[in-house]
């Protein structure tokens, strides 16, 4: 089981436990983060699970078979405040290798 640090809009941090094999969207949604809606249920038909991956983790996330596809890029075009490390949480599967992952919710005041 991995631990993920979530940076909220107000800058506060919260560590949550993440079940292997679940998507980042499911984990944050089920942990009560209202900013992550997941309206389409993870079928990549909306951008309501948009979040930022800490730059130190972006390549590791990608290397674990979580590539940012062209379809995901198209969906991200619909999201608010897109950044270089913006991702749809439904497209990232959690594994033990992502223990320590840091993500930020949309609108969080982070300087990465």
PDB file of N, CA and C in Angstrom:
ATOM      1  N   UNK A   1       0.848  -1.179   0.000  1.00  0.00           N
ATOM      2  CA  UNK A   1       0.000   0.000   0.000  1.00  0.00           C
ATOM      3  C   UNK A   1       0.892   1.239   0.000  1.00  0.00           C
ATOM      4  N   UNK A   2       0.568   2.165  -0.878  1.00  0.00           N
ATOM      5  CA  UNK A   2       1.349   3.391  -1.017  1.00  0.00           C
ATOM      6  C   UNK A   2       0.718   4.515  -0.200  1.00  0.00           C
ATOM      7  N   UNK A   3       1.555   5.448   0.215  1.00  0.00           N
ATOM      8  CA  UNK A   3       1.076   6.668   0.856  1.00  0.00           C
ATOM      9  C   UNK A   3       1.251   7.800  -0.139  1.00  0.00           C
ATOM     10  N   UNK A   4       0.200   8.594  -0.303  1.00  0.00           N
ATOM     11  CA  UNK A   4       0.209   9.721  -1.228  1.00  0.00           C
ATOM     12  C   UNK A   4      -0.004  10.996  -0.423  1.00  0.00           C
ATOM     13  N   UNK A   5       0.786  12.017  -0.739  1.00  0.00           N
ATOM     14  CA  UNK A   5       0.592  13.331  -0.128  1.00  0.00           C
ATOM     15  C   UNK A   5      -0.210  14.183  -1.093  1.00  0.00           C
ATOM     16  N   UNK A   6      -1.322  14.726  -0.596  1.00  0.00           N
ATOM     17  CA  UNK A   6      -2.206  15.562  -1.409  1.00  0.00           C
ATOM     18  C   UNK A   6      -2.116  16.996  -0.888  1.00  0.00           C
ATOM     19  N   UNK A   7      -1.751  17.909  -1.790  1.00  0.00           N
ATOM     20  CA  UNK A   7      -1.705  19.328  -1.447  1.00  0.00           C
ATOM     21  C   UNK A   7      -3.038  19.939  -1.867  1.00  0.00           C
ATOM     22  N   UNK A   8      -3.729  20.513  -0.899  1.00  0.00           N
ATOM     23  CA  UNK A   8      -5.052  21.069  -1.134  1.00  0.00           C
ATOM     24  C   UNK A   8      -4.962  22.523  -1.596  1.00  0.00           C
ATOM     25  N   UNK A   9      -6.096  23.084  -2.011  1.00  0.00           N
ATOM     26  CA  UNK A   9      -6.126  24.450  -2.545  1.00  0.00           C
ATOM     27  C   UNK A   9      -5.520  25.459  -1.587  1.00  0.00           C
ATOM     28  N   UNK A  10      -5.751  25.285  -0.285  1.00  0.00           N
ATOM     29  CA  UNK A  10      -5.254  26.241   0.708  1.00  0.00           C
ATOM     30  C   UNK A  10      -3.782  26.016   1.057  1.00  0.00           C
ATOM     31  N   UNK A  11      -3.150  25.041   0.415  1.00  0.00           N
ATOM     32  CA  UNK A  11      -1.737  24.751   0.648  1.00  0.00           C
ATOM     33  C   UNK A  11      -1.484  23.705   1.708  1.00  0.00           C
ATOM     34  N   UNK A  12      -2.517  23.304   2.439  1.00  0.00           N
ATOM     35  CA  UNK A  12      -2.332  22.271   3.461  1.00  0.00           C
ATOM     36  C   UNK A  12      -2.101  20.918   2.798  1.00  0.00           C
ATOM     37  N   UNK A  13      -1.440  20.038   3.529  1.00  0.00           N
ATOM     38  CA  UNK A  13      -1.114  18.712   3.003  1.00  0.00           C
ATOM     39  C   UNK A  13      -1.820  17.645   3.818  1.00  0.00           C
ATOM     40  N   UNK A  14      -2.228  16.591   3.126  1.00  0.00           N
ATOM     41  CA  UNK A  14      -2.855  15.467   3.794  1.00  0.00           C
ATOM     42  C   UNK A  14      -2.297  14.187   3.190  1.00  0.00           C
ATOM     43  N   UNK A  15      -1.833  13.294   4.045  1.00  0.00           N
ATOM     44  CA  UNK A  15      -1.344  11.992   3.594  1.00  0.00           C
ATOM     45  C   UNK A  15      -2.491  10.995   3.631  1.00  0.00           C
ATOM     46  N   UNK A  16      -2.615  10.210   2.561  1.00  0.00           N
ATOM     47  CA  UNK A  16      -3.647   9.185   2.496  1.00  0.00           C
ATOM     48  C   UNK A  16      -3.022   7.866   2.059  1.00  0.00           C
ATOM     49  N   UNK A  17      -3.641   6.791   2.487  1.00  0.00           N
ATOM     50  CA  UNK A  17      -3.220   5.457   2.077  1.00  0.00           C
ATOM     51  C   UNK A  17      -3.894   5.117   0.756  1.00  0.00           C
ATOM     52  N   UNK A  18      -3.148   4.511  -0.153  1.00  0.00           N
ATOM     53  CA  UNK A  18      -3.660   4.218  -1.488  1.00  0.00           C
ATOM     54  C   UNK A  18      -3.557   2.721  -1.779  1.00  0.00           C
ATOM     55  N   UNK A  19      -4.682   2.144  -2.094  1.00  0.00           N
ATOM     56  CA  UNK A  19      -4.765   0.719  -2.411  1.00  0.00           C
ATOM     57  C   UNK A  19      -4.162   0.447  -3.786  1.00  0.00           C
ATOM     58  N   UNK A  20      -3.287  -0.539  -3.873  1.00  0.00           N
ATOM     59  CA  UNK A  20      -2.678  -0.919  -5.151  1.00  0.00           C
ATOM     60  C   UNK A  20      -3.755  -1.287  -6.172  1.00  0.00           C
ATOM     61  N   UNK A  21      -3.524  -0.867  -7.414  1.00  0.00           N
ATOM     62  CA  UNK A  21      -4.413  -1.212  -8.508  1.00  0.00           C
ATOM     63  C   UNK A  21      -5.559  -0.235  -8.721  1.00  0.00           C
ATOM     64  N   UNK A  22      -5.808   0.628  -7.762  1.00  0.00           N
ATOM     65  CA  UNK A  22      -6.870   1.628  -7.897  1.00  0.00           C
ATOM     66  C   UNK A  22      -6.317   2.837  -8.643  1.00  0.00           C
ATOM     67  N   UNK A  23      -7.229   3.586  -9.269  1.00  0.00           N
ATOM     68  CA  UNK A  23      -6.783   4.810  -9.936  1.00  0.00           C
ATOM     69  C   UNK A  23      -6.637   5.916  -8.898  1.00  0.00           C
ATOM     70  N   UNK A  24      -5.808   6.875  -9.225  1.00  0.00           N
ATOM     71  CA  UNK A  24      -5.605   8.030  -8.350  1.00  0.00           C
ATOM     72  C   UNK A  24      -6.925   8.788  -8.163  1.00  0.00           C
ATOM     73  N   UNK A  25      -7.748   8.844  -9.201  1.00  0.00           N
ATOM     74  CA  UNK A  25      -9.059   9.486  -9.098  1.00  0.00           C
ATOM     75  C   UNK A  25      -9.921   8.793  -8.055  1.00  0.00           C
ATOM     76  N   UNK A  26     -10.010   7.469  -8.112  1.00  0.00           N
ATOM     77  CA  UNK A  26     -10.837   6.718  -7.165  1.00  0.00           C
ATOM     78  C   UNK A  26     -10.368   6.925  -5.735  1.00  0.00           C
ATOM     79  N   UNK A  27      -9.066   6.912  -5.557  1.00  0.00           N
ATOM     80  CA  UNK A  27      -8.497   7.043  -4.214  1.00  0.00           C
ATOM     81  C   UNK A  27      -8.810   8.409  -3.614  1.00  0.00           C
ATOM     82  N   UNK A  28      -8.575   9.482  -4.364  1.00  0.00           N
ATOM     83  CA  UNK A  28      -8.829  10.826  -3.842  1.00  0.00           C
ATOM     84  C   UNK A  28     -10.325  11.090  -3.683  1.00  0.00           C
ATOM     85  N   UNK A  29     -11.118  10.649  -4.632  1.00  0.00           N
ATOM     86  CA  UNK A  29     -12.576  10.825  -4.537  1.00  0.00           C
ATOM     87  C   UNK A  29     -13.121  10.123  -3.295  1.00  0.00           C
ATOM     88  N   UNK A  30     -12.708   8.870  -3.099  1.00  0.00           N
ATOM     89  CA  UNK A  30     -13.203   8.092  -1.967  1.00  0.00           C
ATOM     90  C   UNK A  30     -12.654   8.588  -0.634  1.00  0.00           C
ATOM     91  N   UNK A  31     -11.536   9.316  -0.679  1.00  0.00           N
ATOM     92  CA  UNK A  31     -10.964   9.890   0.549  1.00  0.00           C
ATOM     93  C   UNK A  31     -11.643  11.211   0.913  1.00  0.00           C
ATOM     94  N   UNK A  32     -12.594  11.664   0.081  1.00  0.00           N
ATOM     95  CA  UNK A  32     -13.373  12.845   0.414  1.00  0.00           C
ATOM     96  C   UNK A  32     -12.856  14.155  -0.129  1.00  0.00           C
ATOM     97  N   UNK A  33     -11.977  14.122  -1.102  1.00  0.00           N
ATOM     98  CA  UNK A  33     -11.496  15.356  -1.718  1.00  0.00           C
ATOM     99  C   UNK A  33     -12.535  15.824  -2.738  1.00  0.00           C
ATOM    100  N   UNK A  34     -13.319  16.827  -2.364  1.00  0.00           N
ATOM    101  CA  UNK A  34     -14.413  17.304  -3.214  1.00  0.00           C
ATOM    102  C   UNK A  34     -13.949  17.860  -4.548  1.00  0.00           C
ATOM    103  N   UNK A  35     -12.710  18.308  -4.644  1.00  0.00           N
ATOM    104  CA  UNK A  35     -12.190  18.867  -5.892  1.00  0.00           C
ATOM    105  C   UNK A  35     -12.016  17.795  -6.964  1.00  0.00           C
ATOM    106  N   UNK A  36     -12.032  16.530  -6.564  1.00  0.00           N
ATOM    107  CA  UNK A  36     -11.906  15.417  -7.506  1.00  0.00           C
ATOM    108  C   UNK A  36     -13.259  14.727  -7.603  1.00  0.00           C
ATOM    109  N   UNK A  37     -13.997  15.069  -8.644  1.00  0.00           N
ATOM    110  CA  UNK A  37     -15.357  14.557  -8.793  1.00  0.00           C
ATOM    111  C   UNK A  37     -15.390  13.190  -9.486  1.00  0.00           C
ATOM    112  N   UNK A  38     -14.673  13.048 -10.578  1.00  0.00           N
ATOM    113  CA  UNK A  38     -14.706  11.794 -11.325  1.00  0.00           C
ATOM    114  C   UNK A  38     -16.090  11.521 -11.900  1.00  0.00           C
ATOM    115  N   UNK A  39     -16.710  12.539 -12.479  1.00  0.00           N
ATOM    116  CA  UNK A  39     -18.095  12.456 -12.955  1.00  0.00           C
ATOM    117  C   UNK A  39     -18.321  11.330 -13.962  1.00  0.00           C
ATOM    118  N   UNK A  40     -17.338  11.033 -14.791  1.00  0.00           N
ATOM    119  CA  UNK A  40     -17.529  10.006 -15.819  1.00  0.00           C
ATOM    120  C   UNK A  40     -17.166   8.612 -15.313  1.00  0.00           C
ATOM    121  N   UNK A  41     -16.747   8.512 -14.063  1.00  0.00           N
ATOM    122  CA  UNK A  41     -16.418   7.209 -13.493  1.00  0.00           C
ATOM    123  C   UNK A  41     -15.092   6.652 -13.958  1.00  0.00           C
ATOM    124  N   UNK A  42     -14.281   7.464 -14.571  1.00  0.00           N
ATOM    125  CA  UNK A  42     -12.967   7.010 -14.999  1.00  0.00           C
ATOM    126  C   UNK A  42     -12.885   6.596 -16.455  1.00  0.00           C
ATOM    127  N   UNK A  43     -13.883   6.963 -17.248  1.00  0.00           N
ATOM    128  CA  UNK A  43     -13.869   6.580 -18.662  1.00  0.00           C
ATOM    129  C   UNK A  43     -13.246   7.644 -19.559  1.00  0.00           C
ATOM    130  N   UNK A  44     -12.588   8.622 -18.959  1.00  0.00           N
ATOM    131  CA  UNK A  44     -11.903   9.709 -19.658  1.00  0.00           C
ATOM    132  C   UNK A  44     -12.852  10.477 -20.586  1.00  0.00           C
ATOM    133  N   UNK A  45     -14.045  10.767 -20.065  1.00  0.00           N
ATOM    134  CA  UNK A  45     -15.025  11.538 -20.822  1.00  0.00           C
ATOM    135  C   UNK A  45     -15.274  12.902 -20.192  1.00  0.00           C
ATOM    136  N   UNK A  46     -14.478  13.252 -19.198  1.00  0.00           N
ATOM    137  CA  UNK A  46     -14.594  14.564 -18.558  1.00  0.00           C
ATOM    138  C   UNK A  46     -13.200  14.916 -18.027  1.00  0.00           C
ATOM    139  N   UNK A  47     -13.084  16.024 -17.374  1.00  0.00           N
ATOM    140  CA  UNK A  47     -11.788  16.404 -16.799  1.00  0.00           C
ATOM    141  C   UNK A  47     -11.949  16.728 -15.315  1.00  0.00           C
ATOM    142  N   UNK A  48     -12.937  16.100 -14.672  1.00  0.00           N
ATOM    143  CA  UNK A  48     -13.216  16.419 -13.272  1.00  0.00           C
ATOM    144  C   UNK A  48     -12.317  15.681 -12.283  1.00  0.00           C
ATOM    145  N   UNK A  49     -11.325  14.975 -12.789  1.00  0.00           N
ATOM    146  CA  UNK A  49     -10.330  14.354 -11.909  1.00  0.00           C
ATOM    147  C   UNK A  49      -8.935  14.932 -12.193  1.00  0.00           C
ATOM    148  N   UNK A  50      -8.923  16.116 -12.808  1.00  0.00           N
ATOM    149  CA  UNK A  50      -7.664  16.801 -13.113  1.00  0.00           C
ATOM    150  C   UNK A  50      -6.911  17.108 -11.823  1.00  0.00           C
ATOM    151  N   UNK A  51      -5.603  16.872 -11.838  1.00  0.00           N
ATOM    152  CA  UNK A  51      -4.729  17.195 -10.707  1.00  0.00           C
ATOM    153  C   UNK A  51      -3.316  17.398 -11.240  1.00  0.00           C
ATOM    154  N   UNK A  52      -2.431  17.851 -10.372  1.00  0.00           N
ATOM    155  CA  UNK A  52      -1.034  18.073 -10.741  1.00  0.00           C
ATOM    156  C   UNK A  52      -0.158  17.029 -10.066  1.00  0.00           C
ATOM    157  N   UNK A  53       0.761  16.467 -10.820  1.00  0.00           N
ATOM    158  CA  UNK A  53       1.755  15.531 -10.290  1.00  0.00           C
ATOM    159  C   UNK A  53       3.013  16.334  -9.998  1.00  0.00           C
ATOM    160  N   UNK A  54       3.590  16.133  -8.827  1.00  0.00           N
ATOM    161  CA  UNK A  54       4.842  16.836  -8.501  1.00  0.00           C
ATOM    162  C   UNK A  54       5.879  16.496  -9.576  1.00  0.00           C
ATOM    163  N   UNK A  55       6.620  17.486 -10.061  1.00  0.00           N
ATOM    164  CA  UNK A  55       7.588  17.245 -11.139  1.00  0.00           C
ATOM    165  C   UNK A  55       8.597  16.144 -10.835  1.00  0.00           C
ATOM    166  N   UNK A  56       8.968  15.976  -9.580  1.00  0.00           N
ATOM    167  CA  UNK A  56       9.914  14.915  -9.228  1.00  0.00           C
ATOM    168  C   UNK A  56       9.326  13.527  -9.450  1.00  0.00           C
ATOM    169  N   UNK A  57       8.024  13.430  -9.570  1.00  0.00           N
ATOM    170  CA  UNK A  57       7.333  12.160  -9.740  1.00  0.00           C
ATOM    171  C   UNK A  57       6.809  11.940 -11.154  1.00  0.00           C
ATOM    172  N   UNK A  58       6.768  12.957 -11.967  1.00  0.00           N
ATOM    173  CA  UNK A  58       6.121  12.868 -13.276  1.00  0.00           C
ATOM    174  C   UNK A  58       6.687  11.744 -14.148  1.00  0.00           C
ATOM    175  N   UNK A  59       7.987  11.639 -14.236  1.00  0.00           N
ATOM    176  CA  UNK A  59       8.595  10.596 -15.084  1.00  0.00           C
ATOM    177  C   UNK A  59       8.403   9.204 -14.497  1.00  0.00           C
ATOM    178  N   UNK A  60       8.461   9.095 -13.178  1.00  0.00           N
ATOM    179  CA  UNK A  60       8.264   7.786 -12.545  1.00  0.00           C
ATOM    180  C   UNK A  60       6.835   7.302 -12.771  1.00  0.00           C
ATOM    181  N   UNK A  61       5.864   8.213 -12.633  1.00  0.00           N
ATOM    182  CA  UNK A  61       4.467   7.848 -12.896  1.00  0.00           C
ATOM    183  C   UNK A  61       4.329   7.346 -14.328  1.00  0.00           C
ATOM    184  N   UNK A  62       4.890   8.080 -15.259  1.00  0.00           N
ATOM    185  CA  UNK A  62       4.825   7.725 -16.680  1.00  0.00           C
ATOM    186  C   UNK A  62       5.490   6.377 -16.951  1.00  0.00           C
ATOM    187  N   UNK A  63       6.624   6.127 -16.325  1.00  0.00           N
ATOM    188  CA  UNK A  63       7.384   4.900 -16.557  1.00  0.00           C
ATOM    189  C   UNK A  63       6.662   3.653 -16.053  1.00  0.00           C
ATOM    190  N   UNK A  64       5.695   3.835 -15.173  1.00  0.00           N
ATOM    191  CA  UNK A  64       4.956   2.698 -14.620  1.00  0.00           C
ATOM    192  C   UNK A  64       3.676   2.417 -15.403  1.00  0.00           C
ATOM    193  N   UNK A  65       3.754   2.581 -16.708  1.00  0.00           N
ATOM    194  CA  UNK A  65       2.649   2.297 -17.630  1.00  0.00           C
ATOM    195  C   UNK A  65       1.459   3.239 -17.414  1.00  0.00           C
ATOM    196  N   UNK A  66       1.773   4.480 -17.070  1.00  0.00           N
ATOM    197  CA  UNK A  66       0.763   5.517 -16.888  1.00  0.00           C
ATOM    198  C   UNK A  66       1.047   6.691 -17.826  1.00  0.00           C
ATOM    199  N   UNK A  67       1.299   6.385 -19.088  1.00  0.00           N
ATOM    200  CA  UNK A  67       1.643   7.424 -20.052  1.00  0.00           C
ATOM    201  C   UNK A  67       0.487   8.390 -20.251  1.00  0.00           C
ATOM    202  N   UNK A  68       0.814   9.620 -20.590  1.00  0.00           N
ATOM    203  CA  UNK A  68      -0.197  10.644 -20.921  1.00  0.00           C
ATOM    204  C   UNK A  68      -0.503  10.515 -22.406  1.00  0.00           C
ATOM    205  N   UNK A  69      -1.676   9.990 -22.724  1.00  0.00           N
ATOM    206  CA  UNK A  69      -2.054   9.730 -24.109  1.00  0.00           C
ATOM    207  C   UNK A  69      -2.594  10.989 -24.787  1.00  0.00           C
ATOM    208  N   UNK A  70      -2.741  10.907 -26.087  1.00  0.00           N
ATOM    209  CA  UNK A  70      -3.316  12.009 -26.851  1.00  0.00           C
ATOM    210  C   UNK A  70      -4.765  12.258 -26.433  1.00  0.00           C
ATOM    211  N   UNK A  71      -5.493  11.186 -26.147  1.00  0.00           N
ATOM    212  CA  UNK A  71      -6.883  11.317 -25.690  1.00  0.00           C
ATOM    213  C   UNK A  71      -6.946  12.043 -24.339  1.00  0.00           C
ATOM    214  N   UNK A  72      -6.008  11.720 -23.447  1.00  0.00           N
ATOM    215  CA  UNK A  72      -5.962  12.419 -22.162  1.00  0.00           C
ATOM    216  C   UNK A  72      -5.634  13.897 -22.369  1.00  0.00           C
ATOM    217  N   UNK A  73      -4.703  14.187 -23.257  1.00  0.00           N
ATOM    218  CA  UNK A  73      -4.351  15.579 -23.546  1.00  0.00           C
ATOM    219  C   UNK A  73      -5.568  16.357 -24.049  1.00  0.00           C
ATOM    220  N   UNK A  74      -6.379  15.721 -24.909  1.00  0.00           N
ATOM    221  CA  UNK A  74      -7.592  16.363 -25.409  1.00  0.00           C
ATOM    222  C   UNK A  74      -8.558  16.684 -24.270  1.00  0.00           C
ATOM    223  N   UNK A  75      -8.710  15.766 -23.324  1.00  0.00           N
ATOM    224  CA  UNK A  75      -9.595  15.999 -22.181  1.00  0.00           C
ATOM    225  C   UNK A  75      -9.042  17.094 -21.275  1.00  0.00           C
ATOM    226  N   UNK A  76      -7.733  17.122 -21.104  1.00  0.00           N
ATOM    227  CA  UNK A  76      -7.125  18.142 -20.255  1.00  0.00           C
ATOM    228  C   UNK A  76      -7.350  19.545 -20.806  1.00  0.00           C
ATOM    229  N   UNK A  77      -7.535  19.647 -22.113  1.00  0.00           N
ATOM    230  CA  UNK A  77      -7.832  20.944 -22.714  1.00  0.00           C
ATOM    231  C   UNK A  77      -9.114  21.552 -22.146  1.00  0.00           C
ATOM    232  N   UNK A  78      -9.980  20.722 -21.564  1.00  0.00           N
ATOM    233  CA  UNK A  78     -11.242  21.184 -20.988  1.00  0.00           C
ATOM    234  C   UNK A  78     -11.120  21.562 -19.515  1.00  0.00           C
ATOM    235  N   UNK A  79      -9.977  21.276 -18.923  1.00  0.00           N
ATOM    236  CA  UNK A  79      -9.793  21.511 -17.486  1.00  0.00           C
ATOM    237  C   UNK A  79      -9.321  22.939 -17.207  1.00  0.00           C
ATOM    238  N   UNK A  80      -9.452  23.332 -15.963  1.00  0.00           N
ATOM    239  CA  UNK A  80      -9.057  24.654 -15.483  1.00  0.00           C
ATOM    240  C   UNK A  80      -7.605  24.643 -15.021  1.00  0.00           C
ATOM    241  N   UNK A  81      -6.849  25.691 -15.348  1.00  0.00           N
ATOM    242  CA  UNK A  81      -5.483  25.898 -14.844  1.00  0.00           C
ATOM    243  C   UNK A  81      -4.549  24.723 -15.139  1.00  0.00           C
ATOM    244  N   UNK A  82      -4.420  24.381 -16.408  1.00  0.00           N
ATOM    245  CA  UNK A  82      -3.539  23.293 -16.841  1.00  0.00           C
ATOM    246  C   UNK A  82      -2.089  23.708 -16.650  1.00  0.00           C
ATOM    247  N   UNK A  83      -1.275  22.767 -16.195  1.00  0.00           N
ATOM    248  CA  UNK A  83       0.158  22.991 -15.999  1.00  0.00           C
ATOM    249  C   UNK A  83       0.929  21.849 -16.661  1.00  0.00           C
ATOM    250  N   UNK A  84       2.256  21.965 -16.683  1.00  0.00           N
ATOM    251  CA  UNK A  84       3.078  20.946 -17.348  1.00  0.00           C
ATOM    252  C   UNK A  84       2.850  19.539 -16.799  1.00  0.00           C
ATOM    253  N   UNK A  85       2.581  19.432 -15.510  1.00  0.00           N
ATOM    254  CA  UNK A  85       2.412  18.108 -14.914  1.00  0.00           C
ATOM    255  C   UNK A  85       0.946  17.773 -14.639  1.00  0.00           C
ATOM    256  N   UNK A  86       0.025  18.454 -15.330  1.00  0.00           N
ATOM    257  CA  UNK A  86      -1.399  18.138 -15.197  1.00  0.00           C
ATOM    258  C   UNK A  86      -1.668  16.741 -15.713  1.00  0.00           C
ATOM    259  N   UNK A  87      -2.502  16.021 -14.981  1.00  0.00           N
ATOM    260  CA  UNK A  87      -2.916  14.680 -15.394  1.00  0.00           C
ATOM    261  C   UNK A  87      -4.364  14.461 -14.985  1.00  0.00           C
ATOM    262  N   UNK A  88      -4.999  13.497 -15.634  1.00  0.00           N
ATOM    263  CA  UNK A  88      -6.297  13.020 -15.198  1.00  0.00           C
ATOM    264  C   UNK A  88      -6.027  11.861 -14.244  1.00  0.00           C
ATOM    265  N   UNK A  89      -6.530  11.987 -13.045  1.00  0.00           N
ATOM    266  CA  UNK A  89      -6.279  10.959 -12.022  1.00  0.00           C
ATOM    267  C   UNK A  89      -6.801   9.589 -12.404  1.00  0.00           C
ATOM    268  N   UNK A  90      -7.816   9.531 -13.263  1.00  0.00           N
ATOM    269  CA  UNK A  90      -8.366   8.239 -13.684  1.00  0.00           C
ATOM    270  C   UNK A  90      -7.385   7.453 -14.547  1.00  0.00           C
ATOM    271  N   UNK A  91      -6.360   8.108 -15.053  1.00  0.00           N
ATOM    272  CA  UNK A  91      -5.403   7.460 -15.948  1.00  0.00           C
ATOM    273  C   UNK A  91      -4.126   7.006 -15.246  1.00  0.00           C
ATOM    274  N   UNK A  92      -4.091   7.137 -13.927  1.00  0.00           N
ATOM    275  CA  UNK A  92      -2.903   6.746 -13.163  1.00  0.00           C
ATOM    276  C   UNK A  92      -3.274   5.645 -12.187  1.00  0.00           C
ATOM    277  N   UNK A  93      -2.689   4.481 -12.404  1.00  0.00           N
ATOM    278  CA  UNK A  93      -2.897   3.336 -11.508  1.00  0.00           C
ATOM    279  C   UNK A  93      -1.821   3.363 -10.425  1.00  0.00           C
ATOM    280  N   UNK A  94      -2.248   3.167  -9.199  1.00  0.00           N
ATOM    281  CA  UNK A  94      -1.333   3.198  -8.069  1.00  0.00           C
ATOM    282  C   UNK A  94      -0.719   1.825  -7.848  1.00  0.00           C
ATOM    283  N   UNK A  95       0.558   1.845  -7.512  1.00  0.00           N
ATOM    284  CA  UNK A  95       1.294   0.629  -7.156  1.00  0.00           C
ATOM    285  C   UNK A  95       2.270   0.990  -6.040  1.00  0.00           C
ATOM    286  N   UNK A  96       2.869  -0.030  -5.440  1.00  0.00           N
ATOM    287  CA  UNK A  96       3.830   0.202  -4.358  1.00  0.00           C
ATOM    288  C   UNK A  96       4.973   1.110  -4.788  1.00  0.00           C
ATOM    289  N   UNK A  97       5.314   1.078  -6.075  1.00  0.00           N
ATOM    290  CA  UNK A  97       6.404   1.918  -6.583  1.00  0.00           C
ATOM    291  C   UNK A  97       6.092   3.408  -6.491  1.00  0.00           C
ATOM    292  N   UNK A  98       4.825   3.749  -6.291  1.00  0.00           N
ATOM    293  CA  UNK A  98       4.433   5.156  -6.184  1.00  0.00           C
ATOM    294  C   UNK A  98       4.271   5.601  -4.727  1.00  0.00           C
ATOM    295  N   UNK A  99       4.802   4.809  -3.810  1.00  0.00           N
ATOM    296  CA  UNK A  99       4.780   5.195  -2.395  1.00  0.00           C
ATOM    297  C   UNK A  99       5.545   6.507  -2.219  1.00  0.00           C
ATOM    298  N   UNK A 100       4.887   7.508  -1.632  1.00  0.00           N
ATOM    299  CA  UNK A 100       5.499   8.817  -1.450  1.00  0.00           C
ATOM    300  C   UNK A 100       5.096   9.838  -2.501  1.00  0.00           C
ATOM    301  N   UNK A 101       4.278   9.421  -3.479  1.00  0.00           N
ATOM    302  CA  UNK A 101       3.811  10.308  -4.550  1.00  0.00           C
ATOM    303  C   UNK A 101       3.203  11.584  -3.965  1.00  0.00           C
ATOM    304  N   UNK A 102       3.485  12.709  -4.606  1.00  0.00           N
ATOM    305  CA  UNK A 102       2.929  13.999  -4.197  1.00  0.00           C
ATOM    306  C   UNK A 102       2.105  14.540  -5.348  1.00  0.00           C
ATOM    307  N   UNK A 103       0.843  14.875  -5.048  1.00  0.00           N
ATOM    308  CA  UNK A 103      -0.052  15.474  -6.034  1.00  0.00           C
ATOM    309  C   UNK A 103      -0.679  16.724  -5.427  1.00  0.00           C
ATOM    310  N   UNK A 104      -1.163  17.608  -6.290  1.00  0.00           N
ATOM    311  CA  UNK A 104      -1.857  18.808  -5.835  1.00  0.00           C
ATOM    312  C   UNK A 104      -3.192  18.906  -6.545  1.00  0.00           C
ATOM    313  N   UNK A 105      -4.178  19.401  -5.813  1.00  0.00           N
ATOM    314  CA  UNK A 105      -5.508  19.594  -6.374  1.00  0.00           C
ATOM    315  C   UNK A 105      -5.520  20.832  -7.271  1.00  0.00           C
ATOM    316  N   UNK A 106      -6.421  20.870  -8.240  1.00  0.00           N
ATOM    317  CA  UNK A 106      -6.504  22.047  -9.113  1.00  0.00           C
ATOM    318  C   UNK A 106      -6.682  23.335  -8.301  1.00  0.00           C
ATOM    319  N   UNK A 107      -5.945  24.344  -8.709  1.00  0.00           N
ATOM    320  CA  UNK A 107      -6.015  25.631  -8.030  1.00  0.00           C
ATOM    321  C   UNK A 107      -5.089  25.771  -6.841  1.00  0.00           C
ATOM    322  N   UNK A 108      -4.388  24.684  -6.477  1.00  0.00           N
ATOM    323  CA  UNK A 108      -3.463  24.750  -5.343  1.00  0.00           C
ATOM    324  C   UNK A 108      -2.319  25.697  -5.677  1.00  0.00           C
ATOM    325  N   UNK A 109      -1.915  26.436  -4.703  1.00  0.00           N
ATOM    326  CA  UNK A 109      -0.818  27.399  -4.871  1.00  0.00           C
ATOM    327  C   UNK A 109       0.519  26.696  -4.636  1.00  0.00           C
ATOM    328  N   UNK A 110       0.970  25.989  -5.640  1.00  0.00           N
ATOM    329  CA  UNK A 110       2.250  25.281  -5.564  1.00  0.00           C
ATOM    330  C   UNK A 110       3.208  25.909  -6.554  1.00  0.00           C
ATOM    331  N   UNK A 111       4.489  25.942  -6.198  1.00  0.00           N
ATOM    332  CA  UNK A 111       5.514  26.500  -7.085  1.00  0.00           C
ATOM    333  C   UNK A 111       6.471  25.390  -7.481  1.00  0.00           C
ATOM    334  N   UNK A 112       6.044  24.631  -8.491  1.00  0.00           N
ATOM    335  CA  UNK A 112       6.876  23.546  -8.986  1.00  0.00           C
ATOM    336  C   UNK A 112       7.520  23.963 -10.264  1.00  0.00           C
TER     337      UNK A 112
END
